[in-house]
Amino acid sequence: MPRTFFTSDSHVGHRSILSPRFDRPRPFASIEAHDEALVAAWNAIVRPDDIVWHLGDFAHKCSFDHAASIFSRLRGKKYLVRGNHDAGLGERLPWDGPVVDVTRVQVQDPGMADPRQVWISHYSHRVWPGMHRGHLHLYGHSHGSLPGTRTSLDVGVDCWDWRPVTLGEILERMSETP
């Protein structure tokens, strides 16, 4: 059974993401080291038949060829929820489905008794469809600056050791949130 993963804010090729001027600079010596670390972390856990929802800002301020070369090395069936830096670059990559602004997905991961409804967007929402029926909300954009809740969480690479995460991992972190 394929597993479903979530991630956000890879910022492939975005040199400024390493700059001390950025609120939370990433700890890599170069953008090349950054991009290689993301590929290694992704491919260490994602199998070819797994599904990965990328919640925006896949690449920024790099050539299309560079973004496409990194993209082609990533395992899994990849889907994009558009972020603020995806227009003109990230949107043009060969995603496995249409690029969307927000969507609701049903996730049935191994080990889960029942599927869960998840509202995904690049941006954090204070309210979302189905929240009062136990539907979860996953987002990016904030680079770990917004505290998660028991039903809403940042899945950006800054928060998860540069890698995509399963719903099981997300639920575990949510359960530890006061």
N, C-alpha and C. Protein backbone atom coordinates (compact mmCIF):
# COMPACT_ATOMS: atom_id res chain seq x y z
N MET A 1 0.85 -1.19 0.00
CA MET A 1 0.00 0.00 0.00
C MET A 1 0.89 1.25 0.00
N PRO A 2 0.65 2.15 -0.94
CA PRO A 2 1.45 3.37 -0.93
C PRO A 2 1.16 4.22 0.31
N ARG A 3 2.17 4.87 0.79
CA ARG A 3 2.03 5.78 1.92
C ARG A 3 1.85 7.19 1.38
N THR A 4 1.26 8.06 2.20
CA THR A 4 1.08 9.46 1.83
C THR A 4 1.97 10.31 2.72
N PHE A 5 2.71 11.21 2.10
CA PHE A 5 3.59 12.14 2.79
C PHE A 5 3.17 13.57 2.51
N PHE A 6 3.58 14.46 3.41
CA PHE A 6 3.34 15.90 3.24
C PHE A 6 4.66 16.64 3.50
N THR A 7 4.84 17.71 2.76
CA THR A 7 6.01 18.57 2.97
C THR A 7 5.70 19.94 2.39
N SER A 8 6.58 20.89 2.65
CA SER A 8 6.39 22.24 2.13
C SER A 8 7.70 23.01 2.19
N ASP A 9 7.75 24.07 1.40
CA ASP A 9 8.81 25.07 1.49
C ASP A 9 10.22 24.52 1.29
N SER A 10 10.39 23.70 0.25
CA SER A 10 11.73 23.21 -0.07
C SER A 10 12.66 24.35 -0.48
N HIS A 11 12.14 25.31 -1.22
CA HIS A 11 12.92 26.45 -1.68
C HIS A 11 14.19 26.00 -2.41
N VAL A 12 14.05 25.02 -3.29
CA VAL A 12 15.17 24.56 -4.10
C VAL A 12 15.77 25.74 -4.84
N GLY A 13 17.09 25.85 -4.83
CA GLY A 13 17.79 26.89 -5.58
C GLY A 13 17.70 28.29 -5.01
N HIS A 14 17.06 28.49 -3.89
CA HIS A 14 16.82 29.82 -3.32
C HIS A 14 17.95 30.19 -2.36
N ARG A 15 18.98 30.83 -2.87
CA ARG A 15 20.17 31.16 -2.08
C ARG A 15 19.85 32.00 -0.85
N SER A 16 18.89 32.88 -0.94
CA SER A 16 18.58 33.77 0.19
C SER A 16 18.04 33.02 1.41
N ILE A 17 17.57 31.80 1.22
CA ILE A 17 17.03 31.02 2.34
C ILE A 17 18.15 30.68 3.34
N LEU A 18 19.40 30.83 2.90
CA LEU A 18 20.55 30.54 3.76
C LEU A 18 21.09 31.80 4.44
N SER A 19 20.61 32.95 4.04
CA SER A 19 21.14 34.22 4.51
C SER A 19 20.72 34.54 5.94
N PRO A 20 21.63 35.11 6.73
CA PRO A 20 21.25 35.54 8.09
C PRO A 20 20.14 36.59 8.09
N ARG A 21 19.91 37.25 6.95
CA ARG A 21 18.81 38.23 6.87
C ARG A 21 17.45 37.55 6.87
N PHE A 22 17.42 36.27 6.51
CA PHE A 22 16.18 35.49 6.55
C PHE A 22 15.85 35.22 8.02
N ASP A 23 14.56 35.26 8.36
CA ASP A 23 14.15 35.07 9.76
C ASP A 23 14.77 33.83 10.40
N ARG A 24 14.76 32.76 9.66
CA ARG A 24 15.32 31.49 10.16
C ARG A 24 16.22 30.92 9.07
N PRO A 25 17.47 31.40 8.99
CA PRO A 25 18.35 30.89 7.93
C PRO A 25 18.61 29.40 8.08
N ARG A 26 18.68 28.73 6.97
CA ARG A 26 18.93 27.29 6.99
C ARG A 26 20.42 27.01 7.15
N PRO A 27 20.76 25.95 7.88
CA PRO A 27 22.14 25.69 8.27
C PRO A 27 22.98 24.93 7.24
N PHE A 28 23.06 25.46 6.04
CA PHE A 28 23.85 24.79 5.00
C PHE A 28 24.91 25.75 4.48
N ALA A 29 26.06 25.21 4.10
CA ALA A 29 27.18 26.03 3.64
C ALA A 29 26.92 26.63 2.25
N SER A 30 26.08 25.97 1.46
CA SER A 30 25.79 26.45 0.11
C SER A 30 24.40 25.98 -0.29
N ILE A 31 23.87 26.60 -1.34
CA ILE A 31 22.56 26.16 -1.82
C ILE A 31 22.66 24.77 -2.45
N GLU A 32 23.81 24.45 -2.98
CA GLU A 32 24.01 23.11 -3.54
C GLU A 32 23.93 22.06 -2.42
N ALA A 33 24.57 22.34 -1.28
CA ALA A 33 24.51 21.42 -0.13
C ALA A 33 23.08 21.32 0.38
N HIS A 34 22.38 22.45 0.41
CA HIS A 34 20.97 22.49 0.83
C HIS A 34 20.12 21.58 -0.06
N ASP A 35 20.22 21.78 -1.37
CA ASP A 35 19.40 21.02 -2.30
C ASP A 35 19.72 19.53 -2.23
N GLU A 36 20.99 19.18 -2.11
CA GLU A 36 21.38 17.77 -2.01
C GLU A 36 20.86 17.15 -0.72
N ALA A 37 20.88 17.92 0.38
CA ALA A 37 20.35 17.41 1.66
C ALA A 37 18.85 17.14 1.55
N LEU A 38 18.12 18.02 0.85
CA LEU A 38 16.68 17.81 0.67
C LEU A 38 16.41 16.55 -0.14
N VAL A 39 17.16 16.35 -1.21
CA VAL A 39 16.98 15.16 -2.04
C VAL A 39 17.28 13.91 -1.22
N ALA A 40 18.38 13.92 -0.48
CA ALA A 40 18.76 12.75 0.32
C ALA A 40 17.71 12.44 1.39
N ALA A 41 17.23 13.47 2.08
CA ALA A 41 16.23 13.27 3.14
C ALA A 41 14.92 12.74 2.55
N TRP A 42 14.50 13.29 1.42
CA TRP A 42 13.27 12.84 0.74
C TRP A 42 13.40 11.38 0.33
N ASN A 43 14.46 11.07 -0.41
CA ASN A 43 14.61 9.73 -0.97
C ASN A 43 14.94 8.67 0.07
N ALA A 44 15.35 9.07 1.25
CA ALA A 44 15.62 8.11 2.32
C ALA A 44 14.33 7.48 2.84
N ILE A 45 13.19 8.15 2.65
CA ILE A 45 11.94 7.63 3.21
C ILE A 45 10.83 7.41 2.19
N VAL A 46 10.86 8.11 1.08
CA VAL A 46 9.79 8.00 0.08
C VAL A 46 10.13 6.91 -0.93
N ARG A 47 9.18 5.99 -1.11
CA ARG A 47 9.34 4.92 -2.10
C ARG A 47 8.72 5.39 -3.43
N PRO A 48 9.07 4.73 -4.53
CA PRO A 48 8.55 5.16 -5.84
C PRO A 48 7.03 5.20 -5.94
N ASP A 49 6.31 4.33 -5.23
CA ASP A 49 4.85 4.32 -5.35
C ASP A 49 4.15 5.17 -4.29
N ASP A 50 4.90 5.80 -3.39
CA ASP A 50 4.31 6.67 -2.37
C ASP A 50 3.80 7.96 -2.99
N ILE A 51 2.90 8.62 -2.27
CA ILE A 51 2.31 9.90 -2.69
C ILE A 51 2.90 10.99 -1.82
N VAL A 52 3.33 12.08 -2.45
CA VAL A 52 3.86 13.22 -1.70
C VAL A 52 3.10 14.48 -2.11
N TRP A 53 2.46 15.09 -1.13
CA TRP A 53 1.80 16.39 -1.34
C TRP A 53 2.79 17.47 -0.91
N HIS A 54 3.21 18.29 -1.86
CA HIS A 54 4.11 19.42 -1.56
C HIS A 54 3.24 20.67 -1.44
N LEU A 55 3.23 21.26 -0.25
CA LEU A 55 2.32 22.38 0.01
C LEU A 55 2.95 23.74 -0.28
N GLY A 56 3.61 23.82 -1.39
CA GLY A 56 4.04 25.11 -1.91
C GLY A 56 5.50 25.48 -1.69
N ASP A 57 5.94 26.38 -2.57
CA ASP A 57 7.31 26.91 -2.58
C ASP A 57 8.34 25.80 -2.79
N PHE A 58 8.14 25.07 -3.86
CA PHE A 58 9.10 24.01 -4.19
C PHE A 58 10.46 24.60 -4.54
N ALA A 59 10.48 25.58 -5.42
CA ALA A 59 11.74 26.20 -5.86
C ALA A 59 11.53 27.71 -5.98
N HIS A 60 12.63 28.46 -5.91
CA HIS A 60 12.52 29.91 -6.01
C HIS A 60 13.86 30.50 -6.44
N LYS A 61 13.78 31.45 -7.36
CA LYS A 61 14.96 32.19 -7.83
C LYS A 61 16.08 31.30 -8.32
N CYS A 62 15.69 30.28 -9.08
CA CYS A 62 16.68 29.44 -9.75
C CYS A 62 16.17 29.18 -11.16
N SER A 63 16.99 28.56 -11.97
CA SER A 63 16.56 28.26 -13.33
C SER A 63 15.54 27.11 -13.31
N PHE A 64 14.73 27.09 -14.35
CA PHE A 64 13.80 25.98 -14.49
C PHE A 64 14.55 24.66 -14.60
N ASP A 65 15.67 24.67 -15.33
CA ASP A 65 16.46 23.45 -15.49
C ASP A 65 16.95 22.93 -14.14
N HIS A 66 17.38 23.82 -13.27
CA HIS A 66 17.84 23.39 -11.95
C HIS A 66 16.67 22.79 -11.15
N ALA A 67 15.55 23.48 -11.11
CA ALA A 67 14.38 22.98 -10.38
C ALA A 67 13.95 21.63 -10.94
N ALA A 68 13.92 21.50 -12.26
CA ALA A 68 13.50 20.25 -12.90
C ALA A 68 14.49 19.12 -12.62
N SER A 69 15.78 19.44 -12.55
CA SER A 69 16.77 18.39 -12.29
C SER A 69 16.62 17.85 -10.87
N ILE A 70 16.34 18.72 -9.91
CA ILE A 70 16.11 18.27 -8.53
C ILE A 70 14.79 17.48 -8.47
N PHE A 71 13.75 18.03 -9.06
CA PHE A 71 12.43 17.39 -9.07
C PHE A 71 12.51 15.97 -9.62
N SER A 72 13.23 15.79 -10.71
CA SER A 72 13.29 14.48 -11.37
C SER A 72 13.99 13.43 -10.51
N ARG A 73 14.78 13.85 -9.54
CA ARG A 73 15.50 12.92 -8.67
C ARG A 73 14.67 12.49 -7.46
N LEU A 74 13.55 13.13 -7.22
CA LEU A 74 12.73 12.84 -6.04
C LEU A 74 11.77 11.69 -6.32
N ARG A 75 11.74 10.73 -5.41
CA ARG A 75 10.87 9.57 -5.56
C ARG A 75 9.41 9.92 -5.26
N GLY A 76 8.53 9.05 -5.73
CA GLY A 76 7.12 9.16 -5.41
C GLY A 76 6.31 9.86 -6.47
N LYS A 77 5.00 9.81 -6.26
CA LYS A 77 4.05 10.54 -7.09
C LYS A 77 3.84 11.88 -6.41
N LYS A 78 4.17 12.95 -7.10
CA LYS A 78 4.25 14.27 -6.49
C LYS A 78 3.12 15.17 -6.95
N TYR A 79 2.50 15.84 -5.96
CA TYR A 79 1.39 16.77 -6.21
C TYR A 79 1.72 18.10 -5.56
N LEU A 80 1.30 19.19 -6.19
CA LEU A 80 1.61 20.53 -5.67
C LEU A 80 0.37 21.30 -5.29
N VAL A 81 0.39 21.83 -4.07
CA VAL A 81 -0.54 22.86 -3.65
C VAL A 81 0.26 24.17 -3.77
N ARG A 82 -0.20 25.05 -4.61
CA ARG A 82 0.55 26.26 -4.99
C ARG A 82 0.91 27.13 -3.79
N GLY A 83 2.17 27.55 -3.75
CA GLY A 83 2.63 28.51 -2.75
C GLY A 83 2.88 29.85 -3.39
N ASN A 84 3.26 30.82 -2.59
CA ASN A 84 3.47 32.17 -3.11
C ASN A 84 4.68 32.27 -4.04
N HIS A 85 5.57 31.30 -4.05
CA HIS A 85 6.74 31.33 -4.93
C HIS A 85 6.67 30.32 -6.07
N ASP A 86 5.52 29.75 -6.34
CA ASP A 86 5.42 28.72 -7.37
C ASP A 86 4.99 29.22 -8.74
N ALA A 87 4.48 30.43 -8.83
CA ALA A 87 4.04 30.95 -10.13
C ALA A 87 5.23 31.05 -11.07
N GLY A 88 5.07 30.48 -12.26
CA GLY A 88 6.09 30.61 -13.29
C GLY A 88 7.23 29.62 -13.18
N LEU A 89 7.42 28.97 -12.05
CA LEU A 89 8.52 28.01 -11.93
C LEU A 89 7.98 26.67 -11.43
N GLY A 90 7.61 26.60 -10.16
CA GLY A 90 7.11 25.35 -9.59
C GLY A 90 5.92 24.78 -10.32
N GLU A 91 5.04 25.66 -10.79
CA GLU A 91 3.83 25.21 -11.50
C GLU A 91 4.16 24.47 -12.80
N ARG A 92 5.30 24.77 -13.40
CA ARG A 92 5.66 24.21 -14.70
C ARG A 92 6.29 22.82 -14.62
N LEU A 93 6.59 22.37 -13.43
CA LEU A 93 7.19 21.04 -13.28
C LEU A 93 6.16 19.96 -13.56
N PRO A 94 6.59 18.75 -13.89
CA PRO A 94 5.64 17.68 -14.27
C PRO A 94 5.00 16.97 -13.08
N TRP A 95 4.17 17.68 -12.35
CA TRP A 95 3.45 17.11 -11.21
C TRP A 95 2.53 16.00 -11.69
N ASP A 96 2.15 15.12 -10.80
CA ASP A 96 1.31 13.97 -11.15
C ASP A 96 -0.18 14.29 -11.15
N GLY A 97 -0.54 15.54 -11.01
CA GLY A 97 -1.92 15.97 -11.06
C GLY A 97 -1.95 17.47 -11.20
N PRO A 98 -3.13 18.04 -11.33
CA PRO A 98 -3.22 19.49 -11.49
C PRO A 98 -2.72 20.22 -10.24
N VAL A 99 -2.11 21.36 -10.47
CA VAL A 99 -1.68 22.23 -9.36
C VAL A 99 -2.92 22.92 -8.83
N VAL A 100 -3.09 22.92 -7.50
CA VAL A 100 -4.27 23.50 -6.87
C VAL A 100 -3.85 24.52 -5.83
N ASP A 101 -4.78 25.39 -5.44
CA ASP A 101 -4.51 26.37 -4.38
C ASP A 101 -4.77 25.79 -3.00
N VAL A 102 -5.82 25.03 -2.85
CA VAL A 102 -6.15 24.31 -1.62
C VAL A 102 -6.89 23.05 -2.04
N THR A 103 -6.89 22.05 -1.18
CA THR A 103 -7.67 20.85 -1.47
C THR A 103 -7.88 20.05 -0.20
N ARG A 104 -8.82 19.15 -0.27
CA ARG A 104 -9.07 18.22 0.82
C ARG A 104 -8.67 16.84 0.30
N VAL A 105 -7.89 16.11 1.11
CA VAL A 105 -7.50 14.76 0.74
C VAL A 105 -7.90 13.80 1.84
N GLN A 106 -8.17 12.59 1.45
CA GLN A 106 -8.45 11.53 2.41
C GLN A 106 -7.20 10.67 2.49
N VAL A 107 -6.70 10.46 3.70
CA VAL A 107 -5.45 9.73 3.88
C VAL A 107 -5.71 8.46 4.68
N GLN A 108 -5.31 7.34 4.10
CA GLN A 108 -5.38 6.06 4.78
C GLN A 108 -3.97 5.48 4.78
N ASP A 109 -3.24 5.73 5.83
CA ASP A 109 -1.88 5.21 5.94
C ASP A 109 -1.89 3.86 6.62
N PRO A 110 -0.89 3.03 6.33
CA PRO A 110 -0.78 1.75 7.03
C PRO A 110 -0.77 1.98 8.54
N GLY A 111 -1.45 1.12 9.24
CA GLY A 111 -1.50 1.24 10.69
C GLY A 111 -2.63 2.12 11.20
N MET A 112 -3.30 2.84 10.32
CA MET A 112 -4.43 3.68 10.72
C MET A 112 -5.72 2.90 10.52
N ALA A 113 -6.56 2.87 11.55
CA ALA A 113 -7.83 2.13 11.48
C ALA A 113 -8.77 2.75 10.45
N ASP A 114 -8.90 4.06 10.49
CA ASP A 114 -9.83 4.76 9.61
C ASP A 114 -9.12 5.86 8.84
N PRO A 115 -9.58 6.16 7.63
CA PRO A 115 -8.99 7.28 6.89
C PRO A 115 -9.30 8.61 7.57
N ARG A 116 -8.44 9.57 7.37
CA ARG A 116 -8.63 10.92 7.92
C ARG A 116 -8.79 11.91 6.78
N GLN A 117 -9.65 12.90 6.99
CA GLN A 117 -9.83 14.00 6.06
C GLN A 117 -8.84 15.10 6.43
N VAL A 118 -8.12 15.60 5.43
CA VAL A 118 -7.09 16.61 5.69
C VAL A 118 -7.25 17.76 4.69
N TRP A 119 -7.36 18.98 5.21
CA TRP A 119 -7.45 20.20 4.41
C TRP A 119 -6.03 20.72 4.27
N ILE A 120 -5.53 20.82 3.03
CA ILE A 120 -4.14 21.25 2.83
C ILE A 120 -4.07 22.53 2.01
N SER A 121 -3.18 23.39 2.44
CA SER A 121 -2.98 24.69 1.82
C SER A 121 -1.55 25.14 2.09
N HIS A 122 -1.04 26.03 1.27
CA HIS A 122 0.27 26.60 1.58
C HIS A 122 0.20 27.45 2.84
N TYR A 123 -0.95 28.06 3.05
CA TYR A 123 -1.12 29.02 4.15
C TYR A 123 -1.89 28.42 5.31
N SER A 124 -1.54 28.86 6.50
CA SER A 124 -2.25 28.46 7.70
C SER A 124 -3.63 29.10 7.72
N HIS A 125 -4.62 28.33 8.09
CA HIS A 125 -5.99 28.84 8.22
C HIS A 125 -6.40 28.77 9.69
N ARG A 126 -7.15 29.74 10.12
CA ARG A 126 -7.72 29.68 11.47
C ARG A 126 -8.93 28.78 11.52
N VAL A 127 -9.63 28.72 10.42
CA VAL A 127 -10.77 27.80 10.27
C VAL A 127 -10.65 27.14 8.91
N TRP A 128 -11.25 25.95 8.77
CA TRP A 128 -11.21 25.22 7.50
C TRP A 128 -12.41 24.29 7.44
N PRO A 129 -12.77 23.87 6.24
CA PRO A 129 -13.92 22.98 6.09
C PRO A 129 -13.73 21.68 6.88
N GLY A 130 -14.72 21.30 7.64
CA GLY A 130 -14.70 20.06 8.38
C GLY A 130 -13.97 20.10 9.71
N MET A 131 -13.49 21.25 10.10
CA MET A 131 -12.70 21.30 11.34
C MET A 131 -13.51 20.84 12.55
N HIS A 132 -14.81 21.10 12.54
CA HIS A 132 -15.64 20.70 13.68
C HIS A 132 -16.06 19.22 13.60
N ARG A 133 -15.67 18.57 12.50
CA ARG A 133 -15.93 17.14 12.36
C ARG A 133 -14.63 16.32 12.45
N GLY A 134 -13.58 16.95 12.96
CA GLY A 134 -12.32 16.25 13.16
C GLY A 134 -11.36 16.25 11.99
N HIS A 135 -11.68 17.04 10.94
CA HIS A 135 -10.75 17.12 9.81
C HIS A 135 -9.53 17.93 10.23
N LEU A 136 -8.39 17.52 9.76
CA LEU A 136 -7.13 18.18 10.11
C LEU A 136 -6.77 19.23 9.07
N HIS A 137 -5.83 20.10 9.43
CA HIS A 137 -5.33 21.12 8.51
C HIS A 137 -3.81 21.11 8.53
N LEU A 138 -3.21 20.99 7.34
CA LEU A 138 -1.76 21.04 7.19
C LEU A 138 -1.40 22.19 6.29
N TYR A 139 -0.28 22.83 6.58
CA TYR A 139 0.13 24.03 5.86
C TYR A 139 1.65 24.16 5.87
N GLY A 140 2.13 25.16 5.16
CA GLY A 140 3.54 25.52 5.14
C GLY A 140 3.67 27.01 5.35
N HIS A 141 4.50 27.65 4.54
CA HIS A 141 4.69 29.10 4.46
C HIS A 141 5.33 29.73 5.69
N SER A 142 5.04 29.27 6.86
CA SER A 142 5.48 29.96 8.08
C SER A 142 6.87 29.54 8.54
N HIS A 143 7.46 28.53 7.93
CA HIS A 143 8.82 28.09 8.27
C HIS A 143 8.98 27.84 9.76
N GLY A 144 7.97 27.26 10.38
CA GLY A 144 8.04 26.90 11.79
C GLY A 144 7.77 28.03 12.76
N SER A 145 7.36 29.19 12.26
CA SER A 145 7.16 30.33 13.16
C SER A 145 5.78 30.33 13.84
N LEU A 146 4.84 29.52 13.34
CA LEU A 146 3.52 29.44 13.96
C LEU A 146 3.42 28.16 14.78
N PRO A 147 2.96 28.26 16.01
CA PRO A 147 2.82 27.03 16.80
C PRO A 147 1.68 26.17 16.25
N GLY A 148 1.90 24.87 16.27
CA GLY A 148 0.86 23.95 15.84
C GLY A 148 -0.20 23.80 16.91
N THR A 149 -1.28 23.14 16.53
CA THR A 149 -2.36 22.84 17.47
C THR A 149 -2.62 21.34 17.40
N ARG A 150 -3.64 20.89 18.10
CA ARG A 150 -3.98 19.46 18.06
C ARG A 150 -4.65 19.06 16.75
N THR A 151 -4.97 20.05 15.90
CA THR A 151 -5.64 19.74 14.63
C THR A 151 -5.03 20.46 13.42
N SER A 152 -4.00 21.26 13.62
CA SER A 152 -3.42 22.05 12.54
C SER A 152 -1.91 22.13 12.74
N LEU A 153 -1.13 21.92 11.65
CA LEU A 153 0.32 21.84 11.83
C LEU A 153 1.08 22.21 10.57
N ASP A 154 2.24 22.83 10.75
CA ASP A 154 3.18 23.18 9.69
C ASP A 154 3.95 21.93 9.29
N VAL A 155 3.93 21.58 8.00
CA VAL A 155 4.67 20.42 7.51
C VAL A 155 5.90 20.81 6.70
N GLY A 156 6.32 22.07 6.83
CA GLY A 156 7.49 22.54 6.11
C GLY A 156 8.76 21.82 6.51
N VAL A 157 9.70 21.76 5.58
CA VAL A 157 10.96 21.05 5.83
C VAL A 157 11.72 21.62 7.02
N ASP A 158 11.53 22.89 7.32
CA ASP A 158 12.20 23.51 8.47
C ASP A 158 11.80 22.84 9.79
N CYS A 159 10.63 22.27 9.82
CA CYS A 159 10.07 21.67 11.05
C CYS A 159 10.31 20.17 11.16
N TRP A 160 10.79 19.55 10.10
CA TRP A 160 10.84 18.08 10.05
C TRP A 160 12.17 17.56 9.51
N ASP A 161 13.26 18.15 9.89
CA ASP A 161 14.59 17.66 9.49
C ASP A 161 14.73 17.54 7.98
N TRP A 162 14.15 18.47 7.25
CA TRP A 162 14.31 18.63 5.80
C TRP A 162 13.63 17.55 4.99
N ARG A 163 12.64 16.85 5.57
CA ARG A 163 12.04 15.72 4.87
C ARG A 163 10.52 15.75 4.90
N PRO A 164 9.89 15.01 3.98
CA PRO A 164 8.44 14.82 4.04
C PRO A 164 8.07 13.96 5.25
N VAL A 165 6.81 14.09 5.70
CA VAL A 165 6.36 13.35 6.88
C VAL A 165 5.02 12.66 6.61
N THR A 166 4.80 11.57 7.34
CA THR A 166 3.54 10.82 7.20
C THR A 166 2.49 11.42 8.14
N LEU A 167 1.26 11.05 7.88
CA LEU A 167 0.19 11.50 8.75
C LEU A 167 0.36 10.92 10.15
N GLY A 168 0.89 9.72 10.26
CA GLY A 168 1.15 9.15 11.58
C GLY A 168 2.10 10.01 12.40
N GLU A 169 3.17 10.49 11.77
CA GLU A 169 4.12 11.37 12.47
C GLU A 169 3.45 12.69 12.85
N ILE A 170 2.64 13.19 11.95
CA ILE A 170 1.93 14.45 12.19
C ILE A 170 0.97 14.29 13.37
N LEU A 171 0.21 13.20 13.37
CA LEU A 171 -0.74 12.96 14.46
C LEU A 171 -0.02 12.81 15.80
N GLU A 172 1.14 12.18 15.77
CA GLU A 172 1.90 12.04 17.01
C GLU A 172 2.32 13.40 17.55
N ARG A 173 2.82 14.26 16.67
CA ARG A 173 3.23 15.60 17.11
C ARG A 173 2.01 16.41 17.58
N MET A 174 0.91 16.30 16.85
CA MET A 174 -0.31 17.00 17.26
C MET A 174 -0.77 16.55 18.64
N SER A 175 -0.65 15.26 18.94
CA SER A 175 -1.10 14.73 20.23
C SER A 175 -0.26 15.26 21.39
N GLU A 176 0.96 15.67 21.10
CA GLU A 176 1.85 16.21 22.13
C GLU A 176 1.66 17.71 22.33
N THR A 177 0.81 18.31 21.51
CA THR A 177 0.57 19.75 21.59
C THR A 177 -0.50 20.04 22.64
N PRO A 178 -0.22 20.99 23.55
CA PRO A 178 -1.23 21.30 24.59
C PRO A 178 -2.50 21.91 24.00
